[in-house]
Amino acid sequence: MKRVLSYGVIFFLLMLFPVCLMAADNIAEADKLFNLGGIENYKQTIELLEKELSANPDSYEANWKCARAYREYGNDAKKKKVEGWKKICAEYGKKGMQYALKAIELNPDRPDGHYYYGLNVGIYSDGVSIFTALSEGLKDKTQSSFEKTYEIDKTYKEAGPMLSLGRFWAVLPWPMRDRDKSLQFYREYQATKYFADNLEAHFYIGELLYQIGGKENKAEAKGLLEKAAQSEDPYFADQAKDLLDKIK
C-alpha cells in the first residue's frame, strides 16, 4: 500500500514538474524582454505574462510584472507620441491597474502591487486627463498606494516611492497641489545614491523649484535643468530646454 502511494506521489510530481518549468520559462523570458526595453518588447512581455496568468491566475509575480509591463508600454507610447497615444495610455493604464490590484490582493505586504497601481493611475490620467481621473476617485487611491509602498520600502525600485510621492503632490491641480510636501519628498530623494544619475528626477525637481520661484530656487533649478537637458531621452531633454529658455 505504501509503495502504491509512493508511486502516486512520484507520478503527481512528474506531472507537475513540466507545468512549473513552463511557468518559470514564461516569466524568465518575459523578464529578458522587459529588460531590453522598447514598446515591442513590452508588448511581447505582456503576451507571455498573460499566457502564464491564463494557466495560473493567482501568480503574484506574473500579476505585478504584468502591471509593470502595461505601465511601461503606455509610458513609452506617450513619450514617443505614438499615434493614438492617449487612447493607449487610457487602455493600458486601466489594465495595469487591474493587475496591480490583483497583486495587492494576493500579497498586500509586498510593495510591487501598490507601486505599480499608482504608476498605472498616472498613465491612465495621461490618457483621460487628470480631471477625469480625479472625478473617478483615483486621487486618494493613488496617494494611499504610493504611501503604502513608501511605508513598506521607500528605497524600492531605486527609491521610486520618494520620487513618485514628490511628483504626485507636484502635478495635482489646485487646491489639492502641495508643492512644499512635494519638495520634502524630492529632497529626501536627492539624498539617495540614485539621484545623481537620474536625469528624469533632475527635470522634475528643477521644474518644481522653477514653479516655487525665488532667486535661489531658480538658480538651483537652472543647474538641475541643464543636466536634464543632456538626457538621452528626448522627452525630458526637450522639456528641460524649454524651461531653461524661460529662466534665461
Protein backbone atom coordinates (compact mmCIF):
# COMPACT_ATOMS: atom_id res chain seq x y z
CA MET A 1 0.00 0.00 0.00
CA LYS A 2 2.84 2.36 0.89
CA ARG A 3 4.53 1.53 -2.40
CA VAL A 4 1.36 2.36 -4.33
CA LEU A 5 1.13 5.69 -2.52
CA SER A 6 4.77 6.43 -3.26
CA TYR A 7 4.26 5.74 -6.93
CA GLY A 8 1.23 8.03 -6.88
CA VAL A 9 3.22 10.87 -5.32
CA ILE A 10 6.06 10.41 -7.80
CA PHE A 11 3.62 10.41 -10.73
CA PHE A 12 1.98 13.60 -9.44
CA LEU A 13 5.35 15.34 -9.08
CA LEU A 14 6.41 14.26 -12.56
CA MET A 15 3.18 15.65 -13.99
CA LEU A 16 3.58 18.88 -12.03
CA PHE A 17 7.24 19.45 -12.97
CA PRO A 18 6.67 20.40 -16.65
CA VAL A 19 3.95 22.88 -15.59
CA CYS A 20 6.25 24.57 -13.06
CA LEU A 21 9.07 24.61 -15.60
CA MET A 22 6.82 26.21 -18.21
CA ALA A 23 5.72 28.88 -15.72
CA ALA A 24 9.32 29.67 -14.84
CA ASP A 25 10.21 29.83 -18.53
CA ASN A 26 7.38 32.26 -19.31
CA ILE A 27 8.33 34.63 -16.51
CA ALA A 28 12.07 34.37 -17.17
CA GLU A 29 11.59 35.09 -20.87
CA ALA A 30 9.24 37.98 -20.03
CA ASP A 31 11.91 39.45 -17.74
CA LYS A 32 14.51 39.28 -20.51
CA LEU A 33 12.24 41.08 -22.97
CA PHE A 34 11.21 43.70 -20.42
CA ASN A 35 14.82 44.49 -19.60
CA LEU A 36 15.54 45.12 -23.29
CA GLY A 37 13.02 47.99 -23.23
CA GLY A 38 11.03 49.38 -26.13
CA ILE A 39 7.34 49.19 -26.93
CA GLU A 40 7.52 45.97 -28.95
CA ASN A 41 9.39 44.17 -26.18
CA TYR A 42 6.85 45.39 -23.63
CA LYS A 43 4.08 44.05 -25.87
CA GLN A 44 5.71 40.61 -26.00
CA THR A 45 6.31 40.75 -22.25
CA ILE A 46 2.58 41.27 -21.71
CA GLU A 47 1.72 38.39 -24.03
CA LEU A 48 3.99 35.98 -22.15
CA LEU A 49 2.76 37.07 -18.73
CA GLU A 50 -0.89 36.88 -19.73
CA LYS A 51 -0.23 33.39 -21.11
CA GLU A 52 1.16 32.48 -17.71
CA LEU A 53 -1.80 34.08 -15.93
CA SER A 54 -4.31 32.18 -18.05
CA ALA A 55 -2.86 29.00 -16.53
CA ASN A 56 -2.05 30.43 -13.10
CA PRO A 57 -4.23 33.49 -12.36
CA ASP A 58 -3.04 33.65 -8.74
CA SER A 59 0.63 34.08 -9.59
CA TYR A 60 1.74 37.10 -7.60
CA GLU A 61 4.88 37.55 -9.67
CA ALA A 62 3.09 37.37 -13.02
CA ASN A 63 0.39 39.83 -11.87
CA TRP A 64 2.69 42.60 -10.65
CA LYS A 65 5.07 42.17 -13.57
CA CYS A 66 2.14 42.39 -15.97
CA ALA A 67 1.09 45.63 -14.26
CA ARG A 68 4.65 46.90 -14.70
CA ALA A 69 4.72 46.00 -18.40
CA TYR A 70 1.36 47.67 -19.08
CA ARG A 71 2.61 50.85 -17.42
CA GLU A 72 5.84 50.90 -19.42
CA TYR A 73 4.01 50.24 -22.69
CA GLY A 74 1.73 53.21 -22.06
CA ASN A 75 4.58 55.40 -20.88
CA ASP A 76 6.68 54.59 -23.95
CA ALA A 77 3.73 55.33 -26.25
CA LYS A 78 3.27 58.72 -24.57
CA LYS A 79 6.92 59.73 -24.67
CA LYS A 80 7.31 58.72 -28.31
CA LYS A 81 3.96 60.26 -29.24
CA VAL A 82 2.76 57.09 -30.91
CA GLU A 83 -0.40 57.68 -32.96
CA GLY A 84 -3.38 57.48 -30.62
CA TRP A 85 -1.14 57.53 -27.56
CA LYS A 86 -3.82 59.00 -25.29
CA LYS A 87 -6.16 56.12 -26.06
CA ILE A 88 -3.29 53.69 -25.48
CA CYS A 89 -2.48 55.28 -22.12
CA ALA A 90 -6.10 55.10 -21.00
CA GLU A 91 -6.46 51.46 -22.05
CA TYR A 92 -3.12 50.18 -20.83
CA GLY A 93 -3.17 52.19 -17.61
CA LYS A 94 -6.58 50.77 -16.73
CA LYS A 95 -5.50 47.19 -17.42
CA GLY A 96 -2.29 47.73 -15.48
CA MET A 97 -4.31 48.97 -12.51
CA GLN A 98 -6.36 45.76 -12.56
CA TYR A 99 -3.29 43.52 -12.49
CA ALA A 100 -1.76 45.62 -9.73
CA LEU A 101 -4.94 45.32 -7.64
CA LYS A 102 -4.81 41.55 -8.07
CA ALA A 103 -1.19 41.56 -6.88
CA ILE A 104 -2.20 43.63 -3.84
CA GLU A 105 -4.99 41.17 -3.09
CA LEU A 106 -2.54 38.25 -3.30
CA ASN A 107 0.15 39.86 -1.15
CA PRO A 108 -0.65 43.25 0.41
CA ASP A 109 2.60 43.28 2.40
CA ARG A 110 4.81 43.43 -0.69
CA PRO A 111 5.47 46.80 -2.38
CA ASP A 112 5.14 45.76 -6.04
CA GLY A 113 1.37 45.87 -6.48
CA HIS A 114 0.95 49.12 -4.55
CA TYR A 115 3.72 50.85 -6.50
CA TYR A 116 2.56 49.83 -9.96
CA TYR A 117 -1.04 50.62 -9.13
CA GLY A 118 -0.04 54.25 -8.55
CA LEU A 119 2.12 54.40 -11.67
CA ASN A 120 -0.66 52.96 -13.81
CA VAL A 121 -3.11 55.53 -12.49
CA GLY A 122 -0.62 58.14 -13.71
CA ILE A 123 -0.56 56.63 -17.20
CA TYR A 124 -4.35 56.32 -17.20
CA SER A 125 -4.57 60.00 -16.22
CA ASP A 126 -2.30 60.94 -19.13
CA GLY A 127 -4.85 59.33 -21.41
CA VAL A 128 -8.15 60.54 -19.97
CA SER A 129 -6.89 63.77 -18.26
CA ILE A 130 -6.10 64.24 -14.61
CA PHE A 131 -9.52 65.84 -14.01
CA THR A 132 -11.32 62.74 -15.27
CA ALA A 133 -9.15 60.54 -13.07
CA LEU A 134 -9.92 62.75 -10.08
CA SER A 135 -13.65 62.60 -10.82
CA GLU A 136 -13.35 58.79 -10.68
CA GLY A 137 -11.96 58.98 -7.16
CA LEU A 138 -8.43 57.97 -8.07
CA LYS A 139 -6.61 60.69 -6.14
CA ASP A 140 -6.94 59.07 -2.72
CA LYS A 141 -6.27 55.60 -4.13
CA THR A 142 -3.08 56.78 -5.81
CA GLN A 143 -1.91 58.61 -2.72
CA SER A 144 -2.52 55.61 -0.46
CA SER A 145 -0.81 53.24 -2.92
CA PHE A 146 2.38 55.32 -3.01
CA GLU A 147 2.28 55.94 0.73
CA LYS A 148 1.88 52.21 1.35
CA THR A 149 4.87 51.47 -0.89
CA TYR A 150 6.86 54.13 0.97
CA GLU A 151 5.85 52.56 4.29
CA ILE A 152 6.86 49.04 3.17
CA ASP A 153 10.13 50.02 1.50
CA LYS A 154 10.84 53.61 0.49
CA THR A 155 14.02 52.54 -1.33
CA TYR A 156 12.05 50.13 -3.57
CA LYS A 157 12.90 50.42 -7.28
CA GLU A 158 15.76 52.86 -6.70
CA ALA A 159 13.79 54.95 -4.21
CA GLY A 160 10.83 55.19 -6.56
CA PRO A 161 8.27 55.82 -3.78
CA MET A 162 10.06 59.04 -2.75
CA LEU A 163 10.20 60.32 -6.31
CA SER A 164 6.62 59.24 -7.05
CA LEU A 165 5.19 60.99 -3.98
CA GLY A 166 7.13 64.13 -4.88
CA ARG A 167 5.70 64.06 -8.38
CA PHE A 168 2.21 63.21 -7.11
CA TRP A 169 1.97 66.32 -4.93
CA ALA A 170 3.52 68.49 -7.64
CA VAL A 171 1.15 67.67 -10.51
CA LEU A 172 -2.18 67.73 -8.69
CA PRO A 173 -4.34 70.70 -9.72
CA TRP A 174 -5.01 73.48 -7.23
CA PRO A 175 -6.17 73.40 -4.45
CA MET A 176 -5.00 69.78 -3.91
CA ARG A 177 -1.47 70.53 -5.07
CA ASP A 178 1.11 70.79 -2.28
CA ARG A 179 4.49 71.99 -3.51
CA ASP A 180 6.01 72.09 -0.04
CA LYS A 181 5.16 68.43 0.51
CA SER A 182 6.42 67.62 -2.98
CA LEU A 183 9.75 69.31 -2.27
CA GLN A 184 10.06 67.42 1.02
CA PHE A 185 9.95 64.08 -0.80
CA TYR A 186 12.22 65.34 -3.58
CA ARG A 187 14.82 66.49 -1.04
CA GLU A 188 14.73 63.07 0.55
CA TYR A 189 15.24 61.51 -2.86
CA GLN A 190 18.15 63.85 -3.61
CA ALA A 191 19.95 62.45 -0.57
CA THR A 192 19.90 58.92 -2.04
CA LYS A 193 22.57 57.35 -4.20
CA TYR A 194 20.11 57.11 -7.08
CA PHE A 195 19.67 60.84 -7.67
CA ALA A 196 22.95 61.68 -9.43
CA ASP A 197 22.30 59.51 -12.49
CA ASN A 198 18.54 60.05 -12.76
CA LEU A 199 18.12 62.94 -15.21
CA GLU A 200 14.35 62.49 -15.16
CA ALA A 201 14.48 63.36 -11.45
CA HIS A 202 16.65 66.38 -12.23
CA PHE A 203 13.92 67.63 -14.53
CA TYR A 204 11.10 67.02 -12.03
CA ILE A 205 12.90 68.80 -9.20
CA GLY A 206 14.11 71.62 -11.44
CA GLU A 207 10.58 72.15 -12.70
CA LEU A 208 9.19 72.32 -9.16
CA LEU A 209 11.84 74.79 -7.98
CA TYR A 210 11.14 76.98 -11.01
CA GLN A 211 7.42 76.91 -10.16
CA ILE A 212 8.05 77.78 -6.49
CA GLY A 213 10.17 80.71 -7.62
CA GLY A 214 12.70 82.89 -5.88
CA LYS A 215 16.28 83.69 -6.80
CA GLU A 216 17.91 80.72 -5.03
CA ASN A 217 15.32 78.24 -6.24
CA LYS A 218 15.65 79.42 -9.83
CA ALA A 219 19.44 79.19 -9.64
CA GLU A 220 19.22 75.61 -8.40
CA ALA A 221 16.56 74.83 -10.97
CA LYS A 222 18.83 76.07 -13.74
CA GLY A 223 21.63 73.73 -12.70
CA LEU A 224 19.30 70.74 -12.49
CA LEU A 225 17.64 71.51 -15.82
CA GLU A 226 20.98 71.92 -17.56
CA LYS A 227 21.78 68.36 -16.54
CA ALA A 228 18.33 67.12 -17.56
CA ALA A 229 18.78 68.76 -20.97
CA GLN A 230 21.67 66.33 -21.58
CA SER A 231 19.39 63.31 -21.17
CA GLU A 232 19.43 60.70 -23.92
CA ASP A 233 15.66 60.65 -23.58
CA PRO A 234 14.41 63.47 -25.85
CA TYR A 235 11.10 63.60 -23.98
CA PHE A 236 12.75 65.02 -20.87
CA ALA A 237 15.63 66.75 -22.64
CA ASP A 238 13.25 68.86 -24.74
CA GLN A 239 11.10 69.84 -21.74
CA ALA A 240 14.21 70.81 -19.79
CA LYS A 241 15.42 73.00 -22.65
CA ASP A 242 12.04 74.72 -22.85
CA LEU A 243 12.15 75.56 -19.15
CA LEU A 244 15.74 76.79 -19.39
CA ASP A 245 14.65 79.24 -22.07
CA LYS A 246 12.08 80.66 -19.64
CA ILE A 247 14.62 81.00 -16.84
CA LYS A 248 17.08 82.86 -19.08
